[in-house]
Protein backbone atom coordinates (compact mmCIF):
# COMPACT_ATOMS: atom_id res chain seq x y z
CA UNK A 1 -4.36 111.19 -71.35
CA UNK A 2 -5.66 108.39 -69.30
CA UNK A 3 -4.44 104.80 -69.73
CA UNK A 4 -0.75 104.01 -70.21
CA UNK A 5 1.31 100.80 -70.20
CA UNK A 6 5.08 100.42 -70.20
CA UNK A 7 7.04 97.31 -71.17
CA UNK A 8 10.85 97.38 -70.99
CA UNK A 9 12.81 95.24 -73.45
CA UNK A 10 16.50 94.39 -73.69
CA UNK A 11 19.29 96.77 -74.75
CA UNK A 12 17.61 99.97 -73.54
CA UNK A 13 14.52 99.32 -75.68
CA UNK A 14 10.88 99.51 -74.63
CA UNK A 15 7.24 99.81 -75.70
CA UNK A 16 4.95 102.46 -74.22
CA UNK A 17 1.30 102.70 -75.25
CA UNK A 18 -1.22 105.41 -74.35
CA UNK A 19 -5.02 105.62 -74.75
CA UNK A 20 -6.16 109.22 -74.68
CA UNK A 21 -9.53 109.73 -72.95
CA UNK A 22 -10.79 113.20 -73.78
CA UNK A 23 -13.77 115.36 -74.71
CA UNK A 24 -14.54 114.05 -78.24
CA UNK A 25 -14.93 117.66 -79.41
CA UNK A 26 -11.33 118.51 -78.46
CA UNK A 27 -9.35 118.35 -81.67
CA UNK A 28 -5.84 117.04 -82.20
CA UNK A 29 -3.66 116.25 -85.20
CA UNK A 30 -1.67 113.13 -85.98
CA UNK A 31 2.02 112.93 -85.01
CA UNK A 32 4.56 114.94 -86.96
CA UNK A 33 8.17 116.07 -86.59
CA UNK A 34 8.72 119.42 -84.88
CA UNK A 35 12.05 121.14 -84.19
CA UNK A 36 12.90 123.25 -81.16
CA UNK A 37 16.39 124.67 -80.66
CA UNK A 38 17.68 122.35 -83.42
CA UNK A 39 16.29 119.28 -81.58
CA UNK A 40 13.70 117.15 -83.36
CA UNK A 41 10.62 115.87 -81.58
CA UNK A 42 7.82 113.60 -82.75
CA UNK A 43 4.36 113.91 -81.23
CA UNK A 44 0.64 114.37 -81.87
CA UNK A 45 -0.50 117.92 -81.19
CA UNK A 46 -3.50 119.16 -79.20
CA UNK A 47 -4.91 122.06 -81.23
CA UNK A 48 -6.38 123.91 -78.26
CA UNK A 49 -3.15 124.22 -76.27
CA UNK A 50 -0.52 123.61 -78.94
CA UNK A 51 1.02 121.02 -76.62
CA UNK A 52 0.93 117.24 -76.47
CA UNK A 53 0.17 114.36 -74.14
CA UNK A 54 2.85 112.03 -75.54
CA UNK A 55 6.05 112.48 -77.52
CA UNK A 56 9.66 111.48 -78.09
CA UNK A 57 12.69 113.61 -78.94
CA UNK A 58 16.33 113.51 -79.96
CA UNK A 59 17.17 114.21 -76.32
CA UNK A 60 16.74 110.43 -75.97
CA UNK A 61 13.53 110.85 -74.04
CA UNK A 62 9.85 110.02 -74.08
CA UNK A 63 7.29 112.07 -72.15
CA UNK A 64 3.71 110.98 -71.49
CA UNK A 65 1.15 112.86 -69.37
CA UNK A 66 -1.99 111.67 -67.61
CA UNK A 67 -4.58 113.95 -66.05
CA UNK A 68 -4.61 114.05 -62.26
CA UNK A 69 -2.39 112.92 -59.41
CA UNK A 70 -3.20 110.32 -56.75
CA UNK A 71 -6.91 111.09 -56.40
CA UNK A 72 -9.65 113.04 -58.13
CA UNK A 73 -9.25 116.79 -57.69
CA UNK A 74 -11.58 119.76 -57.96
CA UNK A 75 -10.75 121.70 -61.10
CA UNK A 76 -10.20 125.45 -61.04
CA UNK A 77 -11.73 127.59 -63.81
CA UNK A 78 -8.28 128.51 -65.12
CA UNK A 79 -4.64 127.52 -64.73
CA UNK A 80 -1.39 129.32 -65.51
CA UNK A 81 -0.14 126.93 -68.21
CA UNK A 82 -1.34 123.88 -70.11
CA UNK A 83 0.08 120.54 -69.04
CA UNK A 84 0.60 119.77 -72.73
CA UNK A 85 3.06 122.65 -72.99
CA UNK A 86 4.82 121.47 -69.84
CA UNK A 87 5.22 118.09 -71.53
CA UNK A 88 7.10 119.81 -74.37
CA UNK A 89 9.39 121.58 -71.91
CA UNK A 90 10.39 118.21 -70.44
CA UNK A 91 10.62 116.59 -73.86
CA UNK A 92 13.19 119.06 -75.17
CA UNK A 93 15.26 119.90 -72.10
CA UNK A 94 18.87 118.76 -72.06
CA UNK A 95 19.07 118.56 -68.26
CA UNK A 96 16.20 116.36 -67.14
CA UNK A 97 17.12 115.95 -63.49
CA UNK A 98 17.67 119.67 -63.00
CA UNK A 99 14.30 120.41 -64.55
CA UNK A 100 12.55 117.82 -62.40
CA UNK A 101 13.63 119.61 -59.24
CA UNK A 102 13.57 123.23 -60.44
CA UNK A 103 10.48 123.44 -62.66
CA UNK A 104 7.84 125.79 -61.23
CA UNK A 105 4.45 124.06 -61.09
CA UNK A 106 2.46 126.52 -59.01
CA UNK A 107 -1.03 127.12 -60.39
CA UNK A 108 -0.76 124.07 -62.68
CA UNK A 109 -3.54 121.47 -62.72
CA UNK A 110 -2.50 118.15 -61.10
CA UNK A 111 -0.95 115.58 -63.42
CA UNK A 112 1.14 112.44 -63.62
CA UNK A 113 4.08 112.49 -66.01
CA UNK A 114 5.97 109.41 -67.16
CA UNK A 115 9.47 110.08 -68.45
CA UNK A 116 11.47 107.36 -70.16
CA UNK A 117 15.08 108.45 -70.66
CA UNK A 118 17.96 106.47 -72.19
CA UNK A 119 20.88 108.92 -72.26
CA UNK A 120 23.12 106.67 -70.17
CA UNK A 121 20.96 103.75 -69.15
CA UNK A 122 17.24 103.19 -69.57
CA UNK A 123 15.30 104.98 -66.83
CA UNK A 124 11.61 105.32 -66.10
CA UNK A 125 10.80 108.31 -63.90
CA UNK A 126 7.38 109.28 -62.57
CA UNK A 127 6.60 112.89 -61.70
CA UNK A 128 3.31 113.43 -59.87
CA UNK A 129 2.15 116.99 -59.18
CA UNK A 130 -0.73 117.00 -56.70
CA UNK A 131 -1.31 120.74 -56.89
CA UNK A 132 0.89 121.48 -53.88
CA UNK A 133 3.90 119.18 -54.01
CA UNK A 134 6.02 117.24 -56.49
CA UNK A 135 6.46 113.51 -56.01
CA UNK A 136 9.40 112.17 -58.06
CA UNK A 137 10.03 108.42 -58.23
CA UNK A 138 12.60 106.35 -60.10
CA UNK A 139 10.57 103.30 -61.09
CA UNK A 140 11.79 99.71 -61.49
CA UNK A 141 12.12 98.63 -65.11
CA UNK A 142 9.16 96.29 -65.16
CA UNK A 143 5.76 96.18 -66.90
CA UNK A 144 3.35 98.72 -65.46
CA UNK A 145 -0.07 100.28 -66.06
CA UNK A 146 -1.35 103.74 -65.12
CA UNK A 147 -4.99 104.92 -65.06
CA UNK A 148 -6.00 108.55 -64.69
CA UNK A 149 -7.39 109.38 -61.24
CA UNK A 150 -10.03 111.92 -62.34
CA UNK A 151 -11.79 109.26 -64.44
CA UNK A 152 -11.18 106.00 -62.61
CA UNK A 153 -12.05 105.18 -59.01
CA UNK A 154 -9.74 103.01 -56.89
CA UNK A 155 -12.09 100.06 -57.52
CA UNK A 156 -11.93 100.62 -61.30
CA UNK A 157 -8.15 100.95 -61.14
CA UNK A 158 -7.91 97.68 -59.23
CA UNK A 159 -9.95 95.85 -61.85
CA UNK A 160 -7.84 97.32 -64.62
CA UNK A 161 -4.70 96.17 -62.77
CA UNK A 162 -6.14 92.65 -62.78
CA UNK A 163 -6.76 92.78 -66.53
CA UNK A 164 -3.14 93.82 -66.92
CA UNK A 165 -1.86 91.01 -64.70
CA UNK A 166 -3.89 88.47 -66.65
CA UNK A 167 -2.51 89.85 -69.90
CA UNK A 168 1.10 89.64 -68.69
CA UNK A 169 0.65 85.97 -67.82
CA UNK A 170 -1.10 84.90 -71.02
CA UNK A 171 0.45 86.97 -73.79
CA UNK A 172 3.81 87.66 -75.39
CA UNK A 173 4.95 91.22 -74.79
CA UNK A 174 5.19 92.47 -78.35
CA UNK A 175 3.77 95.60 -79.92
CA UNK A 176 0.88 93.76 -81.58
CA UNK A 177 -0.35 92.00 -78.44
CA UNK A 178 0.04 95.14 -76.31
CA UNK A 179 -1.93 97.16 -78.85
CA UNK A 180 -4.63 94.49 -78.75
CA UNK A 181 -4.77 94.80 -74.95
CA UNK A 182 -5.30 98.55 -75.35
CA UNK A 183 -8.20 97.85 -77.70
CA UNK A 184 -9.96 94.96 -75.99
CA UNK A 185 -9.27 94.83 -72.23
CA UNK A 186 -12.54 95.35 -70.37
CA UNK A 187 -14.43 95.75 -73.63
CA UNK A 188 -17.66 94.65 -71.97
CA UNK A 189 -17.51 97.71 -69.67
CA UNK A 190 -17.88 100.95 -71.66
CA UNK A 191 -17.63 103.00 -68.49
CA UNK A 192 -14.07 101.97 -67.62
CA UNK A 193 -12.78 99.57 -70.27
CA UNK A 194 -9.36 100.48 -71.62
CA UNK A 195 -11.29 101.87 -74.56
CA UNK A 196 -14.00 103.77 -72.70
CA UNK A 197 -17.04 105.81 -73.72
CA UNK A 198 -19.11 107.93 -71.35
CA UNK A 199 -20.44 110.22 -74.07
CA UNK A 200 -18.92 113.49 -72.78
CA UNK A 201 -15.53 111.78 -72.53
CA UNK A 202 -14.24 108.82 -74.49
CA UNK A 203 -11.07 107.22 -75.81
CA UNK A 204 -10.22 109.33 -78.85
CA UNK A 205 -6.85 107.88 -79.89
CA UNK A 206 -4.19 105.27 -79.18
CA UNK A 207 -0.48 106.04 -79.47
CA UNK A 208 2.20 103.35 -79.27
CA UNK A 209 5.92 104.14 -79.15
CA UNK A 210 8.49 101.38 -79.62
CA UNK A 211 12.22 102.03 -79.32
CA UNK A 212 14.48 99.56 -81.12
CA UNK A 213 18.13 100.55 -81.16
CA UNK A 214 18.56 103.93 -82.85
CA UNK A 215 14.98 104.04 -84.17
CA UNK A 216 11.80 105.08 -82.37
CA UNK A 217 8.58 104.11 -84.14
CA UNK A 218 5.29 105.83 -83.34
CA UNK A 219 1.99 104.18 -84.25
CA UNK A 220 -1.04 106.45 -83.93
CA UNK A 221 -4.70 105.55 -84.35
CA UNK A 222 -7.40 108.20 -84.34
CA UNK A 223 -10.55 106.47 -83.16
CA UNK A 224 -12.50 109.61 -84.02
CA UNK A 225 -11.43 109.72 -87.66
CA UNK A 226 -10.70 106.03 -88.19
CA UNK A 227 -7.18 106.79 -89.45
CA UNK A 228 -3.76 105.26 -88.73
CA UNK A 229 -0.36 106.91 -89.12
CA UNK A 230 3.18 105.55 -88.76
CA UNK A 231 6.23 107.73 -88.07
CA UNK A 232 9.85 107.07 -87.18
CA UNK A 233 12.38 109.24 -85.36
CA UNK A 234 15.99 108.33 -86.17
CA UNK A 235 18.21 108.95 -83.16
CA UNK A 236 21.72 110.30 -83.65
């Protein structure tokens, strides 16, 4: 749940891509359709928690979660609820703004949540929970990169931002070129390249979601298993 880019397009469309950096022994399954209260959602599933780190639903919403808030935190032995299950709560809710303000996050590990919603107009909302306080921001609709604070120092984040700036200048913003960025940026630095490998934690998968009109396509690559899956959610 650790490197994410967002590229808005015209007509309420966008591309969001996420590299998941995780314990390579933590298992997940490829994206599938799941229904909750008659609402369909599409997401990969973490087998330990039953939740997800990225998904899209018929509520006209995408939810993506990164570990950590603004800075590295000291982990507690146990928390009240998995952040992956919280992601599902936000994915399926009908009233996003009410949930943003009312959702109880006490005893939840710090996280950063990116919510892309297109019920009226395209919105990109960032929810950061630092363990004590919520920080909710309505973000400008412009290209952006996030890096997880527990894994990447401010210096590493700054270098990654520069890779992203260089990419924006040189490349067309289409799904293929963005996916290539997520595979090759900083490839000479295993420790903090966009595909990273520190042994105990590494990039285990890449998920790309592209909304085009009434269709949302999800491209998922398991770097652990060497498999690729393609799914589409048709919006009503």
